[in-house]
Amino acid sequence: MKKIIIVSTVGLIYDGITSVITSYLEAMNREDLKIYVVSTIMSESKIEKKIEELGCELSLIHISEPT
């Protein structure tokens, strides 16, 4: 099984980047793939649900400003 990690550095919000990520996930053959989606900054609950329904594991991380 191959593993894929997708990191959205703008968060999972309603924008073009997230639309491209979800469109690719919907269109691709996900058999024999373990897909991890990592979100920074913020995440919309409907988008989280959609990604999880596609069989991906979702992680949310908080990145703070340097001090």
C-alpha atoms as a PDB file:
ATOM      1  CA  MET A   1       0.000   0.000   0.000  1.00  0.00           C
ATOM      2  CA  LYS A   2       1.298   3.423  -0.957  1.00  0.00           C
ATOM      3  CA  LYS A   3       0.935   6.409   1.345  1.00  0.00           C
ATOM      4  CA  ILE A   4       0.174   9.948   0.252  1.00  0.00           C
ATOM      5  CA  ILE A   5       0.348  13.006   2.483  1.00  0.00           C
ATOM      6  CA  ILE A   6      -1.411  16.193   1.385  1.00  0.00           C
ATOM      7  CA  VAL A   7      -0.649  19.327   3.419  1.00  0.00           C
ATOM      8  CA  SER A   8      -2.896  22.329   2.969  1.00  0.00           C
ATOM      9  CA  THR A   9      -0.939  25.289   4.308  1.00  0.00           C
ATOM     10  CA  VAL A  10      -3.878  27.661   3.775  1.00  0.00           C
ATOM     11  CA  GLY A  11      -6.320  25.532   5.745  1.00  0.00           C
ATOM     12  CA  LEU A  12      -9.305  23.572   4.500  1.00  0.00           C
ATOM     13  CA  ILE A  13     -11.559  26.469   3.623  1.00  0.00           C
ATOM     14  CA  TYR A  14     -13.760  27.294   0.652  1.00  0.00           C
ATOM     15  CA  ASP A  15     -11.109  28.441  -1.802  1.00  0.00           C
ATOM     16  CA  GLY A  16      -9.458  27.310  -5.012  1.00  0.00           C
ATOM     17  CA  ILE A  17      -6.716  25.245  -3.395  1.00  0.00           C
ATOM     18  CA  THR A  18      -9.134  23.173  -1.331  1.00  0.00           C
ATOM     19  CA  SER A  19     -11.375  22.729  -4.381  1.00  0.00           C
ATOM     20  CA  VAL A  20      -8.452  21.309  -6.355  1.00  0.00           C
ATOM     21  CA  ILE A  21      -7.516  18.958  -3.492  1.00  0.00           C
ATOM     22  CA  THR A  22     -11.061  17.591  -3.143  1.00  0.00           C
ATOM     23  CA  SER A  23     -11.557  17.352  -6.912  1.00  0.00           C
ATOM     24  CA  TYR A  24      -8.386  15.274  -7.299  1.00  0.00           C
ATOM     25  CA  LEU A  25      -9.371  13.049  -4.374  1.00  0.00           C
ATOM     26  CA  GLU A  26     -12.804  12.435  -5.908  1.00  0.00           C
ATOM     27  CA  ALA A  27     -11.424  11.693  -9.377  1.00  0.00           C
ATOM     28  CA  MET A  28      -8.459   9.486  -8.487  1.00  0.00           C
ATOM     29  CA  ASN A  29      -8.431   5.741  -7.944  1.00  0.00           C
ATOM     30  CA  ARG A  30      -7.884   5.500  -4.178  1.00  0.00           C
ATOM     31  CA  GLU A  31      -7.531   1.720  -4.056  1.00  0.00           C
ATOM     32  CA  ASP A  32      -4.304   0.544  -2.413  1.00  0.00           C
ATOM     33  CA  LEU A  33      -3.620   4.097  -1.195  1.00  0.00           C
ATOM     34  CA  LYS A  34      -3.526   5.403   2.340  1.00  0.00           C
ATOM     35  CA  ILE A  35      -4.184   9.138   2.081  1.00  0.00           C
ATOM     36  CA  TYR A  36      -3.507  11.577   4.890  1.00  0.00           C
ATOM     37  CA  VAL A  37      -4.712  15.170   4.646  1.00  0.00           C
ATOM     38  CA  VAL A  38      -3.134  17.694   6.992  1.00  0.00           C
ATOM     39  CA  SER A  39      -4.668  21.109   7.526  1.00  0.00           C
ATOM     40  CA  THR A  40      -3.088  24.158   9.100  1.00  0.00           C
ATOM     41  CA  ILE A  41      -4.619  27.443  10.239  1.00  0.00           C
ATOM     42  CA  MET A  42      -8.322  26.477  10.124  1.00  0.00           C
ATOM     43  CA  SER A  43     -10.718  23.916   8.745  1.00  0.00           C
ATOM     44  CA  GLU A  44     -14.390  23.973   7.723  1.00  0.00           C
ATOM     45  CA  SER A  45     -16.369  21.078   9.208  1.00  0.00           C
ATOM     46  CA  LYS A  46     -18.217  20.296   5.938  1.00  0.00           C
ATOM     47  CA  ILE A  47     -14.917  19.984   4.091  1.00  0.00           C
ATOM     48  CA  GLU A  48     -13.507  17.767   6.858  1.00  0.00           C
ATOM     49  CA  LYS A  49     -16.544  15.492   6.565  1.00  0.00           C
ATOM     50  CA  LYS A  50     -16.207  15.296   2.762  1.00  0.00           C
ATOM     51  CA  ILE A  51     -12.522  14.331   2.996  1.00  0.00           C
ATOM     52  CA  GLU A  52     -13.232  11.682   5.626  1.00  0.00           C
ATOM     53  CA  GLU A  53     -16.100  10.278   3.523  1.00  0.00           C
ATOM     54  CA  LEU A  54     -13.569   9.814   0.707  1.00  0.00           C
ATOM     55  CA  GLY A  55     -11.634   7.466   3.020  1.00  0.00           C
ATOM     56  CA  CYS A  56      -8.833   9.845   3.942  1.00  0.00           C
ATOM     57  CA  GLU A  57      -7.425  10.392   7.405  1.00  0.00           C
ATOM     58  CA  LEU A  58      -7.533  14.000   8.529  1.00  0.00           C
ATOM     59  CA  SER A  59      -5.164  15.772  10.917  1.00  0.00           C
ATOM     60  CA  LEU A  60      -5.388  19.360  12.061  1.00  0.00           C
ATOM     61  CA  ILE A  61      -2.263  21.111  13.285  1.00  0.00           C
ATOM     62  CA  HIS A  62      -1.835  24.572  14.697  1.00  0.00           C
ATOM     63  CA  ILE A  63       1.219  26.540  13.669  1.00  0.00           C
ATOM     64  CA  SER A  64       1.900  29.554  15.834  1.00  0.00           C
ATOM     65  CA  GLU A  65       3.782  32.686  14.849  1.00  0.00           C
ATOM     66  CA  PRO A  66       7.478  32.694  15.782  1.00  0.00           C
ATOM     67  CA  THR A  67       8.285  34.614  18.937  1.00  0.00           C
END
